[in-house]
């Protein structure tokens, strides 16, 4: 079996003694799945008794696509069919005769297991995640933490391979953007492989890709990571990512904002602000409004924030917390706030705040300095950086969706932002839906400007 030059480059990183994470891809037809399956088979045969993970977001897709590629690669390598023994019930593939196995797992988060505790007892020698842009950073990190099986015995370092097409998820901020900017960490590597880098693929495939819509052509044929779905987007993706590294943002008055949930799959998020610097984020899952009011009260006492500087999302259950605390409430569909005595031409307060926030983000005048701190029962830290603005195409807040100015009436949070592939409440705080949920929701959007009246 002959590999492409780009596949060989990636394989070199997968076999060196210092690289831990490799991202391979950038376009359709670049040989992504073939590389992953080739690497797994080679390792399983080279290291008897080893245990590797082959994963994808959905179990059905894993078996229908990646597993079939594994079989094809084995045939191209001249391996007899008896050397790949698939046990669907156990979710594993026995390789060869020396006891090595390839485990098949899905990485789709479920409300019953948002922290991927199901993988907690797993011990593996290495991992391959196909189409890794479809899984969450939390899933990626949990898998990485499981790579320790028989490493010392064989003198190996942990190795993790992800393959994907261009995406505005964590793969962009973790791999592509640092690679583009020359700041990629030494234990990570990105190898771009496009259709033109694969001499073994049918020449008709390129013509098929050219017939797709312009966005798909940019992603799948050109390997363009900077594509935009919506030219009307309020914020550029890079500017949103910069929010987590901006320096020089001035301090100011202290405020607390809170987005309230109760006992569902959503989470309550409480943020402490110093000017436009978000300095503390507290996340609580499945607790009543009385406990949430207590958390906010404790934070305000510790940080010296007066009641007049505390605001809760007043839509839905948030109104109960506002009543208990006697603090301000934020109503999404309230009238825009006057600025210097002049009425503002926005459909509602929500739209006004998002436009003001876009100005601050565009000027690098806002920053998030601390990641989320989860309450009991939530486990791992929320990975806000990875999920910020990772909508389907990288733009974030669309002007039309928000109904800015007199152009439209706007939508509720779920409707307006489902098209972005992210759930963002319309109001006052960092929005923290469980990372890696079925809809790919993440912790991303926050509003606070209306407090500066």
Protein backbone atom coordinates (compact mmCIF):
# COMPACT_ATOMS: atom_id res chain seq x y z
CA UNK A 1 0.00 0.00 0.00
CA UNK A 2 1.39 3.39 -1.00
CA UNK A 3 0.80 6.50 1.09
CA UNK A 4 0.64 10.09 -0.13
CA UNK A 5 3.37 12.54 0.80
CA UNK A 6 1.07 14.26 3.31
CA UNK A 7 0.03 10.96 4.89
CA UNK A 8 3.70 10.05 5.27
CA UNK A 9 4.40 13.41 6.93
CA UNK A 10 1.59 12.85 9.43
CA UNK A 11 2.75 9.29 10.08
CA UNK A 12 6.23 10.60 10.93
CA UNK A 13 4.68 12.77 13.66
CA UNK A 14 2.65 9.82 14.91
CA UNK A 15 5.82 7.80 15.29
CA UNK A 16 8.18 10.39 16.79
CA UNK A 17 8.95 10.75 20.49
CA UNK A 18 7.53 14.21 21.21
CA UNK A 19 4.31 14.85 19.30
CA UNK A 20 1.13 13.91 21.18
CA UNK A 21 -1.74 15.35 19.11
CA UNK A 22 -1.91 15.34 15.31
CA UNK A 23 -4.67 16.92 13.25
CA UNK A 24 -4.79 15.76 9.64
CA UNK A 25 -7.07 17.11 6.96
CA UNK A 26 -8.30 20.31 5.42
CA UNK A 27 -10.37 19.07 2.49
CA UNK A 28 -12.34 16.15 1.13
CA UNK A 29 -10.45 13.37 -0.61
CA UNK A 30 -7.18 13.94 1.18
CA UNK A 31 -6.97 10.42 2.57
CA UNK A 32 -7.95 11.21 6.15
CA UNK A 33 -9.71 8.01 7.20
CA UNK A 34 -7.24 5.86 5.32
CA UNK A 35 -4.37 7.37 7.29
CA UNK A 36 -6.11 6.76 10.61
CA UNK A 37 -6.94 3.16 9.82
CA UNK A 38 -3.45 2.46 8.44
CA UNK A 39 -1.89 3.85 11.63
CA UNK A 40 -4.15 1.80 13.91
CA UNK A 41 -3.45 -1.44 12.06
CA UNK A 42 0.29 -0.82 11.97
CA UNK A 43 0.42 -0.12 15.71
CA UNK A 44 -1.83 -3.04 16.63
CA UNK A 45 0.42 -5.44 14.73
CA UNK A 46 3.67 -3.85 15.87
CA UNK A 47 2.82 -3.81 19.58
CA UNK A 48 1.27 -7.15 20.67
CA UNK A 49 -1.42 -6.83 23.29
CA UNK A 50 -1.91 -3.12 22.68
CA UNK A 51 -5.32 -1.45 22.77
CA UNK A 52 -6.29 1.41 20.46
CA UNK A 53 -9.42 3.50 20.16
CA UNK A 54 -11.21 4.22 16.89
CA UNK A 55 -13.98 6.76 17.50
CA UNK A 56 -16.45 9.03 15.82
CA UNK A 57 -19.38 11.13 17.01
CA UNK A 58 -22.08 8.60 16.09
CA UNK A 59 -21.77 4.84 16.50
CA UNK A 60 -23.77 4.09 13.35
CA UNK A 61 -21.56 6.30 11.17
CA UNK A 62 -18.45 4.77 12.73
CA UNK A 63 -19.52 1.29 11.65
CA UNK A 64 -20.83 2.32 8.24
CA UNK A 65 -17.80 4.37 7.20
CA UNK A 66 -14.64 4.17 9.31
CA UNK A 67 -14.93 0.46 10.02
CA UNK A 68 -15.38 -0.25 6.32
CA UNK A 69 -12.25 1.82 5.60
CA UNK A 70 -10.38 -0.25 8.18
CA UNK A 71 -11.36 -3.41 6.32
CA UNK A 72 -10.32 -1.92 2.97
CA UNK A 73 -6.93 -0.85 4.32
CA UNK A 74 -6.36 -4.32 5.76
CA UNK A 75 -7.03 -5.86 2.35
CA UNK A 76 -4.68 -3.39 0.66
CA UNK A 77 -2.04 -4.41 3.20
CA UNK A 78 -2.52 -8.05 2.24
CA UNK A 79 -3.90 -9.09 5.63
CA UNK A 80 -6.16 -12.15 5.59
CA UNK A 81 -9.78 -11.52 6.55
CA UNK A 82 -9.34 -13.72 9.61
CA UNK A 83 -6.96 -11.14 11.07
CA UNK A 84 -9.79 -8.66 11.59
CA UNK A 85 -12.46 -10.12 13.86
CA UNK A 86 -15.27 -7.67 14.59
CA UNK A 87 -17.32 -8.14 17.75
CA UNK A 88 -20.24 -5.71 17.45
CA UNK A 89 -21.62 -6.58 20.85
CA UNK A 90 -18.38 -5.68 22.60
CA UNK A 91 -17.58 -2.86 20.19
CA UNK A 92 -14.09 -4.05 19.34
CA UNK A 93 -11.96 -5.42 16.52
CA UNK A 94 -9.38 -8.09 17.34
CA UNK A 95 -6.30 -7.65 15.15
CA UNK A 96 -3.85 -10.39 14.25
CA UNK A 97 -2.91 -13.21 16.58
CA UNK A 98 -1.06 -11.38 19.37
CA UNK A 99 -4.01 -10.05 21.35
CA UNK A 100 -4.18 -6.45 20.10
CA UNK A 101 -7.62 -4.86 19.85
CA UNK A 102 -9.14 -1.73 18.34
CA UNK A 103 -12.06 -0.46 20.43
CA UNK A 104 -14.96 1.24 18.64
CA UNK A 105 -16.67 4.01 20.58
CA UNK A 106 -19.02 6.89 19.83
CA UNK A 107 -18.29 10.31 21.33
CA UNK A 108 -21.74 11.84 21.20
CA UNK A 109 -22.47 13.53 24.52
CA UNK A 110 -25.67 12.56 26.28
CA UNK A 111 -27.50 14.47 29.01
CA UNK A 112 -27.03 11.45 31.28
CA UNK A 113 -23.25 11.49 30.74
CA UNK A 114 -22.06 15.02 29.80
CA UNK A 115 -18.60 14.34 31.27
CA UNK A 116 -18.04 11.10 29.30
CA UNK A 117 -17.71 9.11 32.52
CA UNK A 118 -18.42 6.04 30.41
CA UNK A 119 -14.84 6.37 29.15
CA UNK A 120 -13.48 6.86 32.65
CA UNK A 121 -12.19 3.32 33.15
CA UNK A 122 -10.86 3.00 29.61
CA UNK A 123 -7.13 2.43 29.17
CA UNK A 124 -5.74 2.69 25.65
CA UNK A 125 -2.38 2.88 23.89
CA UNK A 126 -3.46 5.47 21.33
CA UNK A 127 -6.55 6.99 19.72
CA UNK A 128 -7.92 7.91 16.30
CA UNK A 129 -11.00 10.18 16.14
CA UNK A 130 -12.46 10.39 12.65
CA UNK A 131 -14.22 13.68 11.78
CA UNK A 132 -13.11 15.06 15.13
CA UNK A 133 -14.66 18.45 14.37
CA UNK A 134 -18.01 16.81 15.14
CA UNK A 135 -17.12 16.02 18.74
CA UNK A 136 -16.55 18.38 21.65
CA UNK A 137 -13.25 19.45 23.15
CA UNK A 138 -14.33 17.78 26.36
CA UNK A 139 -14.61 14.45 24.54
CA UNK A 140 -11.20 15.04 22.94
CA UNK A 141 -9.57 15.77 26.29
CA UNK A 142 -11.20 12.83 28.05
CA UNK A 143 -9.90 10.48 25.36
CA UNK A 144 -6.43 11.99 25.62
CA UNK A 145 -6.44 11.40 29.37
CA UNK A 146 -7.13 7.67 28.77
CA UNK A 147 -3.96 7.06 26.72
CA UNK A 148 -1.63 5.21 29.06
CA UNK A 149 -1.95 1.49 28.40
CA UNK A 150 1.44 -0.29 28.05
CA UNK A 151 3.21 2.90 26.98
CA UNK A 152 6.17 2.32 29.26
CA UNK A 153 6.53 -1.30 28.18
CA UNK A 154 6.95 -0.27 24.55
CA UNK A 155 8.72 3.06 25.14
CA UNK A 156 5.88 5.05 23.61
CA UNK A 157 4.45 8.50 24.24
CA UNK A 158 0.69 9.14 24.11
CA UNK A 159 -0.51 9.58 20.53
CA UNK A 160 -3.80 10.95 19.32
CA UNK A 161 -4.86 11.47 15.71
CA UNK A 162 -7.83 13.55 14.65
CA UNK A 163 -9.02 13.97 11.08
CA UNK A 164 -11.51 16.52 9.79
CA UNK A 165 -12.52 19.04 7.16
CA UNK A 166 -12.30 22.77 7.92
CA UNK A 167 -14.51 23.72 10.84
CA UNK A 168 -14.97 26.61 13.25
CA UNK A 169 -14.97 24.39 16.32
CA UNK A 170 -12.18 23.60 18.74
CA UNK A 171 -10.03 22.21 15.92
CA UNK A 172 -9.76 25.75 14.54
CA UNK A 173 -8.68 27.39 17.79
CA UNK A 174 -6.58 24.45 19.03
CA UNK A 175 -4.78 23.56 15.80
CA UNK A 176 -5.39 25.59 12.66
CA UNK A 177 -5.22 29.16 14.00
CA UNK A 178 -2.01 28.54 16.01
CA UNK A 179 -0.56 26.73 12.98
CA UNK A 180 -1.45 29.68 10.75
CA UNK A 181 0.00 32.17 13.24
CA UNK A 182 3.16 30.14 13.95
CA UNK A 183 2.25 29.59 17.61
CA UNK A 184 1.27 25.91 17.59
CA UNK A 185 2.47 24.15 20.74
CA UNK A 186 5.40 21.76 20.24
CA UNK A 187 3.39 18.66 21.20
CA UNK A 188 0.78 19.37 18.52
CA UNK A 189 1.00 19.16 14.74
CA UNK A 190 -1.33 20.08 11.91
CA UNK A 191 -0.85 18.51 8.47
CA UNK A 192 -3.00 19.95 5.70
CA UNK A 193 -4.04 17.48 3.04
CA UNK A 194 -6.22 18.54 0.11
CA UNK A 195 -7.68 16.71 -2.85
CA UNK A 196 -4.73 17.73 -5.02
CA UNK A 197 -2.36 16.05 -2.54
CA UNK A 198 -3.91 12.64 -3.21
CA UNK A 199 -2.78 11.20 -6.56
CA UNK A 200 -4.74 7.99 -5.96
CA UNK A 201 -8.25 9.47 -6.01
CA UNK A 202 -10.58 9.52 -9.02
CA UNK A 203 -10.27 12.67 -11.17
CA UNK A 204 -14.08 12.81 -11.32
CA UNK A 205 -14.26 13.54 -7.60
CA UNK A 206 -13.02 17.10 -8.06
CA UNK A 207 -15.76 17.77 -10.60
CA UNK A 208 -18.34 16.47 -8.16
CA UNK A 209 -17.10 18.84 -5.48
CA UNK A 210 -17.17 21.82 -7.83
CA UNK A 211 -20.88 21.26 -8.26
CA UNK A 212 -21.59 21.93 -4.58
CA UNK A 213 -22.67 25.25 -3.08
CA UNK A 214 -19.98 27.91 -2.69
CA UNK A 215 -19.50 27.31 1.04
CA UNK A 216 -18.97 23.58 0.52
CA UNK A 217 -16.56 24.23 -2.36
CA UNK A 218 -14.49 26.48 -0.11
CA UNK A 219 -14.41 23.94 2.70
CA UNK A 220 -14.18 20.62 0.91
CA UNK A 221 -12.32 21.43 -2.31
CA UNK A 222 -10.20 24.45 -1.36
CA UNK A 223 -9.68 23.51 2.30
CA UNK A 224 -10.54 27.06 3.35
CA UNK A 225 -10.74 27.39 7.14
CA UNK A 226 -11.68 31.07 6.97
CA UNK A 227 -14.97 30.59 5.14
CA UNK A 228 -17.95 32.58 6.35
CA UNK A 229 -21.54 31.42 6.16
CA UNK A 230 -23.01 34.87 6.64
CA UNK A 231 -21.47 38.08 5.29
CA UNK A 232 -23.83 39.91 7.68
CA UNK A 233 -22.19 38.35 10.74
CA UNK A 234 -21.69 40.85 13.55
CA UNK A 235 -18.38 39.39 14.74
CA UNK A 236 -15.43 37.83 12.98
CA UNK A 237 -14.53 34.44 14.41
CA UNK A 238 -10.93 35.38 15.16
CA UNK A 239 -12.09 38.39 17.16
CA UNK A 240 -14.27 36.18 19.32
CA UNK A 241 -11.41 33.75 19.91
CA UNK A 242 -9.25 36.77 20.87
CA UNK A 243 -11.63 37.50 23.74
CA UNK A 244 -9.89 34.73 25.69
CA UNK A 245 -6.42 36.21 25.25
CA UNK A 246 -6.97 39.98 25.08
CA UNK A 247 -4.72 41.96 27.39
CA UNK A 248 -4.88 45.60 28.37
CA UNK A 249 -8.65 45.66 28.92
CA UNK A 250 -9.22 48.32 31.56
CA UNK A 251 -10.78 47.48 34.90
CA UNK A 252 -13.84 49.33 36.12
CA UNK A 253 -16.92 48.90 38.25
CA UNK A 254 -17.79 45.40 39.40
CA UNK A 255 -20.98 43.69 38.23
CA UNK A 256 -22.54 40.25 38.44
CA UNK A 257 -24.64 38.78 35.63
CA UNK A 258 -26.54 35.51 35.77
CA UNK A 259 -28.35 33.29 33.29
CA UNK A 260 -30.72 31.11 35.29
CA UNK A 261 -31.76 27.49 34.80
CA UNK A 262 -33.30 24.96 37.17
CA UNK A 263 -33.41 21.17 36.96
CA UNK A 264 -33.22 20.52 33.22
CA UNK A 265 -30.21 19.82 31.04
CA UNK A 266 -29.32 23.51 30.93
CA UNK A 267 -26.99 25.13 33.45
CA UNK A 268 -27.06 28.27 35.54
CA UNK A 269 -24.12 30.55 34.78
CA UNK A 270 -22.96 33.38 37.03
CA UNK A 271 -20.26 35.85 35.93
CA UNK A 272 -18.27 38.39 37.90
CA UNK A 273 -17.17 41.41 35.87
CA UNK A 274 -14.52 44.06 36.50
CA UNK A 275 -15.29 46.59 33.81
CA UNK A 276 -15.31 44.54 30.62
CA UNK A 277 -13.10 41.86 32.18
CA UNK A 278 -14.96 38.68 33.07
CA UNK A 279 -12.92 37.49 36.05
CA UNK A 280 -14.95 34.60 37.44
CA UNK A 281 -17.49 32.19 35.96
CA UNK A 282 -19.53 29.88 38.17
CA UNK A 283 -21.66 27.13 36.65
CA UNK A 284 -24.34 25.24 38.55
CA UNK A 285 -26.35 22.34 37.16
CA UNK A 286 -29.76 21.14 38.31
CA UNK A 287 -30.39 23.32 41.35
CA UNK A 288 -33.32 25.42 42.53
CA UNK A 289 -33.64 29.17 42.39
CA UNK A 290 -33.10 29.48 46.16
CA UNK A 291 -29.68 27.82 45.91
CA UNK A 292 -28.81 29.98 42.90
CA UNK A 293 -29.80 33.13 44.77
CA UNK A 294 -27.52 32.00 47.60
CA UNK A 295 -24.60 31.50 45.20
CA UNK A 296 -25.05 34.98 43.75
CA UNK A 297 -25.38 36.53 47.20
CA UNK A 298 -22.17 34.84 48.37
CA UNK A 299 -20.27 35.99 45.29
CA UNK A 300 -21.52 39.56 45.65
CA UNK A 301 -20.44 39.65 49.31
CA UNK A 302 -16.99 38.27 48.54
CA UNK A 303 -16.44 40.64 45.59
CA UNK A 304 -18.14 43.70 47.05
CA UNK A 305 -20.79 44.01 44.35
CA UNK A 306 -23.91 46.00 45.36
CA UNK A 307 -27.43 44.83 44.47
CA UNK A 308 -27.78 47.63 41.95
CA UNK A 309 -24.91 46.02 39.99
CA UNK A 310 -26.45 42.52 39.85
CA UNK A 311 -28.69 41.45 36.98
CA UNK A 312 -30.45 38.16 36.24
CA UNK A 313 -32.09 36.97 33.07
CA UNK A 314 -35.72 37.64 34.05
CA UNK A 315 -37.34 35.55 31.33
CA UNK A 316 -38.61 32.23 32.65
CA UNK A 317 -37.23 30.98 35.97
CA UNK A 318 -34.74 33.84 36.20
CA UNK A 319 -37.51 36.09 37.47
CA UNK A 320 -37.66 34.06 40.67
CA UNK A 321 -34.01 34.73 41.46
CA UNK A 322 -34.41 38.43 40.73
CA UNK A 323 -37.37 38.55 43.12
CA UNK A 324 -35.44 36.76 45.87
CA UNK A 325 -32.39 39.01 45.56
CA UNK A 326 -34.29 42.23 44.79
CA UNK A 327 -31.76 42.84 42.01
CA UNK A 328 -32.24 44.00 38.44
CA UNK A 329 -33.87 41.79 35.85
CA UNK A 330 -33.09 41.57 32.15
CA UNK A 331 -36.03 41.15 29.74
CA UNK A 332 -34.99 40.26 26.23
CA UNK A 333 -37.89 42.00 24.54
CA UNK A 334 -37.74 45.15 26.63
CA UNK A 335 -37.34 48.50 24.88
CA UNK A 336 -33.80 49.57 24.00
CA UNK A 337 -32.02 51.74 26.57
CA UNK A 338 -31.71 55.42 25.73
CA UNK A 339 -28.12 56.59 25.22
CA UNK A 340 -27.36 60.14 26.33
CA UNK A 341 -31.05 60.89 26.32
CA UNK A 342 -31.59 59.67 22.76
CA UNK A 343 -33.77 56.77 21.77
CA UNK A 344 -31.97 53.94 20.00
CA UNK A 345 -33.19 52.31 16.80
CA UNK A 346 -33.16 48.66 17.87
CA UNK A 347 -36.02 46.22 17.95
CA UNK A 348 -35.44 45.31 21.61
CA UNK A 349 -32.88 45.36 24.40
CA UNK A 350 -31.42 42.04 23.35
CA UNK A 351 -30.57 43.33 19.89
CA UNK A 352 -29.09 46.54 21.28
CA UNK A 353 -26.80 44.63 23.62
CA UNK A 354 -25.52 42.29 20.94
CA UNK A 355 -24.62 45.18 18.64
CA UNK A 356 -22.82 46.95 21.48
CA UNK A 357 -21.03 43.74 22.38
CA UNK A 358 -19.93 43.33 18.76
CA UNK A 359 -18.31 46.77 18.95
CA UNK A 360 -16.42 45.82 22.11
CA UNK A 361 -15.26 42.48 20.69
CA UNK A 362 -14.18 44.08 17.43
CA UNK A 363 -12.08 46.65 19.32
CA UNK A 364 -10.54 44.00 21.60
CA UNK A 365 -12.15 45.85 24.49
CA UNK A 366 -13.47 42.76 26.30
CA UNK A 367 -11.85 39.71 27.79
CA UNK A 368 -12.64 36.51 29.64
CA UNK A 369 -9.85 35.82 32.09
CA UNK A 370 -11.06 32.66 33.81
CA UNK A 371 -12.73 29.52 32.55
CA UNK A 372 -15.81 28.11 34.18
CA UNK A 373 -15.85 26.67 37.68
CA UNK A 374 -18.47 23.95 37.89
CA UNK A 375 -20.47 23.03 40.91
CA UNK A 376 -20.72 19.63 42.49
CA UNK A 377 -21.84 16.95 40.10
CA UNK A 378 -20.59 18.65 36.98
CA UNK A 379 -17.06 17.33 37.02
CA UNK A 380 -14.69 18.61 34.39
CA UNK A 381 -14.13 22.26 33.70
CA UNK A 382 -16.26 23.81 30.95
CA UNK A 383 -14.10 24.48 27.92
CA UNK A 384 -15.32 27.92 26.98
CA UNK A 385 -12.39 28.76 24.74
CA UNK A 386 -12.98 25.86 22.43
CA UNK A 387 -16.64 26.45 21.86
CA UNK A 388 -16.73 30.18 21.47
CA UNK A 389 -18.41 31.20 18.28
CA UNK A 390 -17.98 27.83 16.66
CA UNK A 391 -21.09 28.19 14.57
CA UNK A 392 -21.60 26.62 11.21
CA UNK A 393 -19.37 28.91 9.27
CA UNK A 394 -17.63 31.01 11.81
CA UNK A 395 -19.65 34.20 11.71
CA UNK A 396 -21.54 34.47 14.91
CA UNK A 397 -24.37 36.81 15.51
CA UNK A 398 -26.24 37.58 12.31
CA UNK A 399 -27.73 41.04 11.96
CA UNK A 400 -30.94 39.73 10.47
CA UNK A 401 -31.35 37.05 13.13
CA UNK A 402 -31.00 39.64 15.88
CA UNK A 403 -33.42 42.04 14.29
CA UNK A 404 -31.11 45.01 14.80
CA UNK A 405 -32.43 48.44 14.06
CA UNK A 406 -35.79 48.60 12.33
CA UNK A 407 -35.00 45.73 10.00
CA UNK A 408 -36.75 42.93 11.82
CA UNK A 409 -38.43 41.74 14.95
CA UNK A 410 -35.70 39.33 16.02
CA UNK A 411 -36.15 35.77 17.30
CA UNK A 412 -35.89 34.01 20.61
CA UNK A 413 -32.55 32.58 21.65
CA UNK A 414 -33.21 29.03 20.48
CA UNK A 415 -34.46 30.07 17.04
CA UNK A 416 -31.98 32.80 16.28
CA UNK A 417 -28.92 30.78 17.18
CA UNK A 418 -29.81 27.24 16.21
CA UNK A 419 -28.67 28.18 12.71
CA UNK A 420 -25.25 29.02 14.14
CA UNK A 421 -24.90 25.57 15.69
CA UNK A 422 -24.76 27.13 19.14
CA UNK A 423 -27.26 27.90 21.86
CA UNK A 424 -26.97 31.47 23.08
CA UNK A 425 -29.40 33.08 25.46
CA UNK A 426 -30.27 36.58 24.50
CA UNK A 427 -29.31 38.44 27.59
CA UNK A 428 -26.86 39.20 30.24
CA UNK A 429 -24.27 36.54 30.73
CA UNK A 430 -22.02 33.90 29.40
CA UNK A 431 -24.30 31.20 28.03
CA UNK A 432 -23.17 27.75 29.17
CA UNK A 433 -25.12 24.86 27.77
CA UNK A 434 -23.43 21.49 28.35
CA UNK A 435 -20.40 21.28 26.08
CA UNK A 436 -20.70 18.73 23.35
CA UNK A 437 -24.43 18.20 23.66
CA UNK A 438 -26.40 16.71 20.81
CA UNK A 439 -26.68 20.09 19.13
CA UNK A 440 -23.05 20.92 19.77
CA UNK A 441 -24.00 23.68 22.19
CA UNK A 442 -21.15 25.41 24.00
CA UNK A 443 -20.35 28.15 26.41
CA UNK A 444 -19.98 31.28 24.38
CA UNK A 445 -22.06 34.42 24.26
CA UNK A 446 -22.40 37.08 26.91
CA UNK A 447 -23.97 40.50 27.23
CA UNK A 448 -23.41 43.13 29.84
CA UNK A 449 -23.36 46.54 28.20
CA UNK A 450 -26.81 47.53 29.28
CA UNK A 451 -25.54 47.88 32.85
CA UNK A 452 -23.57 50.98 31.79
CA UNK A 453 -26.56 53.25 31.55
